Structures are given as structure tokens and as C-alpha cells.
Amino acid sequence: MKVSVVMPVRDGERFLVEAVESVLEQTLADLELVVVDDGSTDRTAGVAADREAHVLRLPFNLGIGGAMQSGYIYAREHGYDVAVQVDGDGQHDPRHIHSLLARLREDPELNMVTGSRFLDTAGEGYRSSAARRIGIRVFSTVVSRITGQRVTDPTSGFRMTDRHGIELFARDYPHDYPEVEAILLMHAHRLRSCEIPVVMRPRLTGRSAISSTQSVYYMVKVLLAIFVALFRARPSSAAVETVDAADAADAADAAHAADGVEAANGVEAGEDAAAAAAAGPTGAARVSEGVGATDRGRGGEMAEARDAVAEARDAVAEVGDAVVEGDR
């Protein structure tokens, strides 16, 4: 199984060596580390290349979403079975890659496994500031309501996806603050995900892009992004099944038409084409039914999301109080 470890980094020359070497120490066959240099102004790309990591150099800064999507595109184009995000700041312990992969292999129906810092019963490791933990609980409530399953760490970027997840994220990946939206994107495309406990570490250097004074802004922005995401077009299982059925019917009719051409040597080409396309209207009707089912299902999910966002309003106020208290 080919595993691609995608490490997005910007200006990480000072701390990248330790992060890269900790990944390369993992004893996994067919593992490749891909460092995505997100428009760095220092020697990030050179340091990664010196440690025999494959480097994708972006011409300018795209942000975490664009950097990760670049990594997923690389994984898709090079035939990787699994892709896992490991941040270059050292917070994600690469030793947990084995646990993520074992869980993904354990259940063939799973498409993504996320490492949650809040499932560790011992309470070890770094769990972020108090204000951000309140925000994470709000996101956890909203995302859990929308997906219908418990999500404890929706802001964790330490996640592993199978080939289906790679293909999805290579085509469409959220930007700006993508972790929460990525879970909803998986849910919208009927792909399954779960969490396992991991222990995270304090970052090696630098600081989070979201300071304590920005926590309220970040929360409101992500909640709005969640609500807007519910309006995005998404496939339904009914629509997918009807499209597949229509394709199969068209293919069968085309095969029968071809057999008819061979059997009746005098049939003209125009008549053959008409026979091959005979199932077209029926297939279109089936697809229309699937689209209607999609719209009805979306309405129910939107109602649940509105309820969850309403419940989160009080928690947003709590975050504001926590930020003020923290600044004191």
C-alpha cells in the first residue's frame, strides 16, 4: 500500500529538520514524504530536499487549504492508496501514522480516520488554549448534529484518507480554515470517517495563525462557512445509483445495437445509432428522480444545521468572555 505523507510548510527552515526526520524514521514500506513549500521566503524547500523528501514548490502562498489540495493532487496523479496530513510545526506525532493506517485497514468501509486529542482518556498531550477549546466544543456540537455521529476534534488536521478521499480532496478542498469543512465535505459525498485517540505535542516554533483575540472572529467565520456549505450541490446515493443504472442500460442497448449491425449487414449507420440511443430518455428520467431526492434530503440536513447553529450562539458568547479573561 503506497502511503503519501503530505506536510504543508511555510518558512519552516528553522524547525523543519526535526519534523522531516521524525516522519522518515517510520518503518512503513512505500512511504513517501511530500513537503509542500507554500511560498516560503527562506530555505524550506532546500532543507526538505537535503533530507530526501519530495518537494512541491508553490510559486506563492496559497494557505493551508491550497497547499493540502496540491498534496492531494500529487497523491492522486502518482497512484497513492493513502494520504495523511502531518503538520510541519511538530504538533502531529508521526508515530501515530501506524495507528491511523491500522484503523483504516480494519474497516474497508472507512474513507478517513482523524486523530483526536480529546479521545485520549489519560488526558496527555497538548490540547490548545481554554478559549480555543470552547470553540472546538462548539464546532463539535454543530458538526456532530449535521453528520449524525460524534465528532470530538473537528479542527484536527492529523487525518488519513483512502483513495476515495484523495480523489475527492484533489477535486475540491476547502480553503482558509479547511479542517471543519472537510468533514462536512466527506459527509456530503457519502464517505465515512471516524476518530481515534492520539497525543499531540506543542508546536516546535512559531505560533498559531489564530490568536486569542481572533478566536471569536474565527468561530463566526467557520460557522458561516458551515451553513453556506449546506447549500452546495452534492450527490445523493439515489442519484448515483440511477446514473449508474442509466449508464448500464445505455451500454447494454449499444451492445445489442452492435450485434444487430453484425447480424443484418444491410442496416444503415443512421439506424444503428438510433437504436443505440433508445434508452436515453429513460435514463434521463431516472436521473431527474435522483436529483429530486437530493433536494429533499438537503432540506432536512439544513434544518438540523440551523438548530445546531442556534445552540452554538450562547457558546460564542462564552468564548468572548474567555478571550477577555485570558487577555487580562
Protein backbone atom coordinates (compact mmCIF):
# COMPACT_ATOMS: atom_id res chain seq x y z
CA MET A 1 0.00 0.00 0.00
CA LYS A 2 1.52 3.31 -1.12
CA VAL A 3 1.34 5.98 1.58
CA SER A 4 1.89 9.69 0.91
CA VAL A 5 2.65 11.88 3.93
CA VAL A 6 1.71 15.45 2.98
CA MET A 7 3.46 18.12 5.06
CA PRO A 8 2.42 21.73 4.32
CA VAL A 9 5.08 24.23 5.41
CA ARG A 10 5.77 27.93 5.05
CA ASP A 11 9.06 29.46 6.16
CA GLY A 12 9.99 26.38 8.16
CA GLU A 13 13.76 26.36 7.67
CA ARG A 14 14.50 26.64 11.39
CA PHE A 15 12.37 23.72 12.58
CA LEU A 16 11.72 21.56 9.53
CA VAL A 17 14.65 19.17 10.03
CA GLU A 18 13.19 17.57 13.15
CA ALA A 19 9.70 17.28 11.64
CA VAL A 20 11.00 15.68 8.43
CA GLU A 21 13.31 13.24 10.16
CA SER A 22 10.57 12.12 12.57
CA VAL A 23 8.44 11.12 9.55
CA LEU A 24 11.25 9.38 7.70
CA GLU A 25 12.03 7.31 10.81
CA GLN A 26 8.70 5.48 10.44
CA THR A 27 9.17 1.93 9.22
CA LEU A 28 6.49 1.73 6.56
CA ALA A 29 7.02 0.23 3.13
CA ASP A 30 6.18 2.50 0.17
CA LEU A 31 6.01 5.64 2.31
CA GLU A 32 6.93 8.95 0.69
CA LEU A 33 7.13 12.31 2.43
CA VAL A 34 5.86 15.19 0.28
CA VAL A 35 6.74 18.61 1.66
CA VAL A 36 4.54 21.33 0.16
CA ASP A 37 6.50 24.57 0.28
CA ASP A 38 3.72 27.14 0.46
CA GLY A 39 5.51 30.16 -1.00
CA SER A 40 8.33 30.25 1.57
CA THR A 41 10.88 33.06 1.54
CA ASP A 42 13.61 31.00 3.26
CA ARG A 43 15.36 27.69 2.50
CA THR A 44 12.38 25.47 3.39
CA ALA A 45 12.49 23.65 0.04
CA GLY A 46 16.26 23.14 0.20
CA VAL A 47 16.19 21.80 3.77
CA ALA A 48 13.46 19.29 2.86
CA ALA A 49 15.25 18.20 -0.32
CA ASP A 50 18.52 17.70 1.62
CA ARG A 51 16.65 15.17 3.81
CA GLU A 52 15.44 13.29 0.69
CA ALA A 53 11.85 14.45 0.94
CA HIS A 54 9.96 15.14 -2.26
CA VAL A 55 9.24 18.87 -2.51
CA LEU A 56 6.33 20.64 -4.19
CA ARG A 57 7.19 24.32 -4.51
CA LEU A 58 4.21 26.64 -4.84
CA PRO A 59 5.00 29.93 -6.62
CA PHE A 60 3.24 31.97 -3.94
CA ASN A 61 1.41 31.45 -0.65
CA LEU A 62 -1.93 29.66 -1.13
CA GLY A 63 -2.72 28.98 2.52
CA ILE A 64 -3.25 25.65 4.23
CA GLY A 65 -6.20 24.68 2.01
CA GLY A 66 -4.38 25.28 -1.27
CA ALA A 67 -1.21 23.61 0.00
CA MET A 68 -3.07 20.48 1.10
CA GLN A 69 -5.04 20.27 -2.13
CA SER A 70 -1.74 20.41 -4.02
CA GLY A 71 -0.58 17.44 -1.97
CA TYR A 72 -3.78 15.51 -2.70
CA ILE A 73 -3.45 16.23 -6.42
CA TYR A 74 0.11 14.86 -6.31
CA ALA A 75 -1.08 11.75 -4.46
CA ARG A 76 -3.87 11.19 -7.00
CA GLU A 77 -1.62 11.66 -10.03
CA HIS A 78 1.03 9.30 -8.65
CA GLY A 79 -1.31 6.49 -7.68
CA TYR A 80 -1.09 6.61 -3.89
CA ASP A 81 -3.56 4.46 -1.95
CA VAL A 82 -3.46 6.57 1.22
CA ALA A 83 -2.59 10.18 2.06
CA VAL A 84 -2.03 11.54 5.57
CA GLN A 85 -1.52 15.14 6.64
CA VAL A 86 1.30 15.80 9.11
CA ASP A 87 1.86 19.44 10.03
CA GLY A 88 5.40 20.76 9.74
CA ASP A 89 5.27 22.55 13.11
CA GLY A 90 5.75 19.29 15.00
CA GLN A 91 2.34 19.08 16.68
CA HIS A 92 1.45 15.80 14.96
CA ASP A 93 3.44 12.81 16.19
CA PRO A 94 4.25 10.67 13.10
CA ARG A 95 4.34 7.54 15.26
CA HIS A 96 0.53 7.64 15.20
CA ILE A 97 0.57 7.11 11.42
CA HIS A 98 0.69 3.38 12.11
CA SER A 99 -2.47 3.62 14.26
CA LEU A 100 -4.32 5.65 11.63
CA LEU A 101 -3.39 3.16 8.92
CA ALA A 102 -4.34 0.16 11.06
CA ARG A 103 -7.80 1.65 11.71
CA LEU A 104 -8.30 2.43 8.04
CA ARG A 105 -7.36 -1.13 7.06
CA GLU A 106 -9.56 -2.60 9.78
CA ASP A 107 -12.77 -1.31 8.20
CA PRO A 108 -12.93 -1.37 4.38
CA GLU A 109 -15.95 0.94 4.53
CA LEU A 110 -13.94 3.76 6.14
CA ASN A 111 -12.60 6.55 3.95
CA MET A 112 -10.99 8.88 6.51
CA VAL A 113 -9.52 8.50 10.00
CA THR A 114 -8.78 11.56 12.14
CA GLY A 115 -6.51 11.73 15.17
CA SER A 116 -8.39 13.33 18.08
CA ARG A 117 -6.54 14.84 21.03
CA PHE A 118 -9.74 14.67 23.12
CA LEU A 119 -10.28 10.91 22.98
CA ASP A 120 -7.16 10.11 25.00
CA THR A 121 -8.51 9.02 28.38
CA ALA A 122 -5.25 9.85 30.15
CA GLY A 123 -5.60 13.49 29.16
CA GLU A 124 -1.99 13.67 27.97
CA GLY A 125 -0.54 15.91 25.32
CA TYR A 126 -1.23 19.42 24.14
CA ARG A 127 -4.92 20.39 23.94
CA SER A 128 -4.78 24.07 22.94
CA SER A 129 -5.82 27.13 24.96
CA ALA A 130 -9.00 27.39 27.02
CA ALA A 131 -10.65 29.81 24.58
CA ARG A 132 -9.93 27.62 21.60
CA ARG A 133 -11.18 24.52 23.44
CA ILE A 134 -14.54 26.25 23.89
CA GLY A 135 -14.61 26.98 20.16
CA ILE A 136 -13.74 23.37 19.37
CA ARG A 137 -16.66 22.21 21.53
CA VAL A 138 -18.99 24.47 19.58
CA PHE A 139 -17.78 23.11 16.25
CA SER A 140 -18.00 19.60 17.66
CA THR A 141 -21.66 20.12 18.56
CA VAL A 142 -22.57 21.56 15.16
CA VAL A 143 -20.65 19.01 13.08
CA SER A 144 -21.91 16.08 15.15
CA ARG A 145 -25.51 17.20 14.61
CA ILE A 146 -25.04 17.57 10.85
CA THR A 147 -23.18 14.28 10.31
CA GLY A 148 -25.19 12.24 12.79
CA GLN A 149 -22.07 10.88 14.51
CA ARG A 150 -19.88 12.01 17.37
CA VAL A 151 -17.01 14.28 16.30
CA THR A 152 -14.75 15.34 19.19
CA ASP A 153 -11.90 17.15 17.41
CA PRO A 154 -13.20 18.77 14.20
CA THR A 155 -10.22 21.15 13.97
CA SER A 156 -7.62 18.37 13.91
CA GLY A 157 -5.62 18.31 10.69
CA PHE A 158 -3.99 14.98 11.57
CA ARG A 159 -6.08 12.82 9.24
CA MET A 160 -5.61 9.97 6.82
CA THR A 161 -7.75 9.34 3.73
CA ASP A 162 -8.07 6.40 1.38
CA ARG A 163 -8.11 6.59 -2.42
CA HIS A 164 -11.72 7.84 -2.49
CA GLY A 165 -10.82 10.67 -0.11
CA ILE A 166 -7.73 11.53 -2.15
CA GLU A 167 -9.77 11.83 -5.33
CA LEU A 168 -12.41 13.96 -3.61
CA PHE A 169 -9.95 16.37 -1.98
CA ALA A 170 -7.88 16.63 -5.17
CA ARG A 171 -11.01 17.91 -6.95
CA ASP A 172 -12.45 20.04 -4.15
CA TYR A 173 -10.85 21.05 -0.86
CA PRO A 174 -11.91 23.88 1.46
CA HIS A 175 -9.60 26.87 1.81
CA ASP A 176 -8.76 29.26 4.65
CA TYR A 177 -9.67 27.05 7.69
CA PRO A 178 -10.45 23.74 5.97
CA GLU A 179 -10.45 21.14 8.74
CA VAL A 180 -14.08 21.53 9.84
CA GLU A 181 -15.45 21.92 6.32
CA ALA A 182 -13.52 18.87 5.09
CA ILE A 183 -15.51 16.65 7.46
CA LEU A 184 -18.76 18.01 6.05
CA LEU A 185 -17.46 17.54 2.52
CA MET A 186 -16.82 13.86 3.23
CA HIS A 187 -20.31 13.56 4.71
CA ALA A 188 -21.91 15.29 1.71
CA HIS A 189 -20.29 12.78 -0.64
CA ARG A 190 -21.45 9.80 1.43
CA LEU A 191 -17.91 8.90 2.53
CA ARG A 192 -17.39 7.51 6.03
CA SER A 193 -15.00 8.82 8.66
CA CYS A 194 -14.10 8.18 12.29
CA GLU A 195 -11.68 9.31 15.00
CA ILE A 196 -9.03 7.55 17.06
CA PRO A 197 -7.18 8.89 20.13
CA VAL A 198 -3.76 10.49 19.59
CA VAL A 199 -1.40 12.55 21.69
CA MET A 200 -0.40 15.88 20.17
CA ARG A 201 2.63 17.98 21.05
CA PRO A 202 3.22 21.73 21.42
CA ARG A 203 4.44 23.28 18.17
CA LEU A 204 8.22 23.33 17.74
CA THR A 205 8.28 27.02 16.92
CA GLY A 206 6.10 29.88 15.79
CA ARG A 207 2.52 30.45 16.88
CA SER A 208 -0.96 29.64 15.69
CA ALA A 209 -2.42 31.78 12.94
CA ILE A 210 -5.48 32.18 15.21
CA SER A 211 -4.61 34.27 18.27
CA SER A 212 -6.80 34.56 21.36
CA THR A 213 -8.23 37.88 20.16
CA GLN A 214 -9.16 36.30 16.81
CA SER A 215 -10.99 33.32 18.31
CA VAL A 216 -14.46 34.89 18.14
CA TYR A 217 -13.91 36.04 14.55
CA TYR A 218 -12.63 32.58 13.61
CA MET A 219 -15.64 30.90 15.20
CA VAL A 220 -18.20 33.11 13.49
CA LYS A 221 -16.45 32.74 10.14
CA VAL A 222 -16.33 28.94 10.33
CA LEU A 223 -19.95 28.71 11.47
CA LEU A 224 -20.98 30.80 8.47
CA ALA A 225 -18.87 28.59 6.21
CA ILE A 226 -20.61 25.52 7.61
CA PHE A 227 -24.02 27.00 6.93
CA VAL A 228 -23.08 28.05 3.38
CA ALA A 229 -21.62 24.60 2.72
CA LEU A 230 -25.08 23.11 3.21
CA PHE A 231 -26.22 24.87 0.04
CA ARG A 232 -23.51 23.34 -2.10
CA ALA A 233 -24.55 20.81 -4.71
CA ARG A 234 -23.95 17.27 -3.55
CA PRO A 235 -24.63 13.80 -4.92
CA SER A 236 -27.23 11.53 -3.37
CA SER A 237 -26.97 7.77 -3.26
CA ALA A 238 -30.21 7.59 -5.24
CA ALA A 239 -28.84 9.86 -7.95
CA VAL A 240 -25.60 7.90 -8.17
CA GLU A 241 -27.46 4.62 -8.41
CA THR A 242 -29.79 5.91 -11.12
CA VAL A 243 -26.92 7.35 -13.14
CA ASP A 244 -25.11 4.01 -12.92
CA ALA A 245 -28.29 2.19 -13.94
CA ALA A 246 -28.80 4.55 -16.87
CA ASP A 247 -25.21 4.07 -17.98
CA ALA A 248 -25.58 0.31 -17.76
CA ALA A 249 -28.82 0.40 -19.74
CA ASP A 250 -27.26 2.59 -22.42
CA ALA A 251 -24.26 0.31 -22.65
CA ALA A 252 -26.46 -2.77 -22.96
CA ASP A 253 -28.56 -1.17 -25.67
CA ALA A 254 -25.45 -0.10 -27.53
CA ALA A 255 -24.13 -3.67 -27.38
CA HIS A 256 -27.43 -5.04 -28.72
CA ALA A 257 -27.36 -2.47 -31.50
CA ALA A 258 -23.84 -3.52 -32.43
CA ASP A 259 -24.91 -7.16 -32.53
CA GLY A 260 -27.80 -6.16 -34.75
CA VAL A 261 -25.44 -4.44 -37.16
CA GLU A 262 -23.34 -7.58 -37.50
CA ALA A 263 -26.39 -9.78 -37.98
CA ALA A 264 -28.13 -7.54 -40.51
CA ASN A 265 -25.42 -6.49 -42.93
CA GLY A 266 -27.81 -4.24 -44.81
CA VAL A 267 -28.71 -1.94 -41.86
CA GLU A 268 -27.59 1.64 -42.40
CA ALA A 269 -25.37 3.50 -39.91
CA GLY A 270 -28.09 6.05 -39.05
CA GLU A 271 -30.50 3.32 -37.99
CA ASP A 272 -27.82 1.72 -35.80
CA ALA A 273 -27.18 4.99 -33.97
CA ALA A 274 -30.89 5.49 -33.30
CA ALA A 275 -31.15 2.01 -31.82
CA ALA A 276 -28.12 2.58 -29.58
CA ALA A 277 -29.59 5.81 -28.15
CA ALA A 278 -33.04 4.33 -27.46
CA ALA A 279 -32.57 4.21 -23.69
CA GLY A 280 -31.53 7.87 -23.39
CA PRO A 281 -34.87 9.39 -22.25
CA THR A 282 -35.44 6.64 -19.71
CA GLY A 283 -32.03 7.21 -18.16
CA ALA A 284 -32.67 10.96 -18.01
CA ALA A 285 -35.96 10.40 -16.18
CA ARG A 286 -34.19 8.26 -13.62
CA VAL A 287 -31.57 10.95 -13.00
CA SER A 288 -34.30 13.59 -12.53
CA GLU A 289 -35.87 11.43 -9.83
CA GLY A 290 -32.49 11.17 -8.10
CA VAL A 291 -32.00 14.94 -8.14
CA GLY A 292 -35.40 15.42 -6.51
CA ALA A 293 -34.39 13.01 -3.76
CA THR A 294 -31.19 15.01 -3.24
CA ASP A 295 -33.12 18.28 -2.73
CA ARG A 296 -35.47 16.69 -0.22
CA GLY A 297 -32.59 15.21 1.79
CA ARG A 298 -30.72 18.52 1.78
CA GLY A 299 -33.70 20.32 3.33
CA GLY A 300 -33.67 18.02 6.34
CA GLU A 301 -29.95 18.46 6.91
CA MET A 302 -30.27 22.25 6.68
CA ALA A 303 -32.98 22.25 9.37
CA GLU A 304 -30.72 20.26 11.69
CA ALA A 305 -27.82 22.61 10.99
CA ARG A 306 -29.91 25.67 11.81
CA ASP A 307 -30.84 24.13 15.16
CA ALA A 308 -27.19 23.36 15.89
CA VAL A 309 -26.03 26.87 14.97
CA ALA A 310 -28.73 28.33 17.26
CA GLU A 311 -27.42 26.22 20.13
CA ALA A 312 -23.91 27.49 19.39
CA ARG A 313 -24.78 31.18 19.84
CA ASP A 314 -24.54 31.03 23.62
CA ALA A 315 -21.22 29.23 23.33
CA VAL A 316 -19.87 32.02 21.12
CA ALA A 317 -20.61 34.46 23.94
CA GLU A 318 -18.71 32.19 26.31
CA VAL A 319 -15.71 32.28 24.02
CA GLY A 320 -15.79 36.09 24.03
CA ASP A 321 -15.78 36.07 27.83
CA ALA A 322 -12.92 33.57 27.88
CA VAL A 323 -10.88 35.70 25.48
CA VAL A 324 -11.38 38.81 27.61
CA GLU A 325 -10.43 36.89 30.74
CA GLY A 326 -7.36 35.40 29.00
CA ASP A 327 -6.16 38.81 27.84
CA ARG A 328 -6.33 40.08 31.42
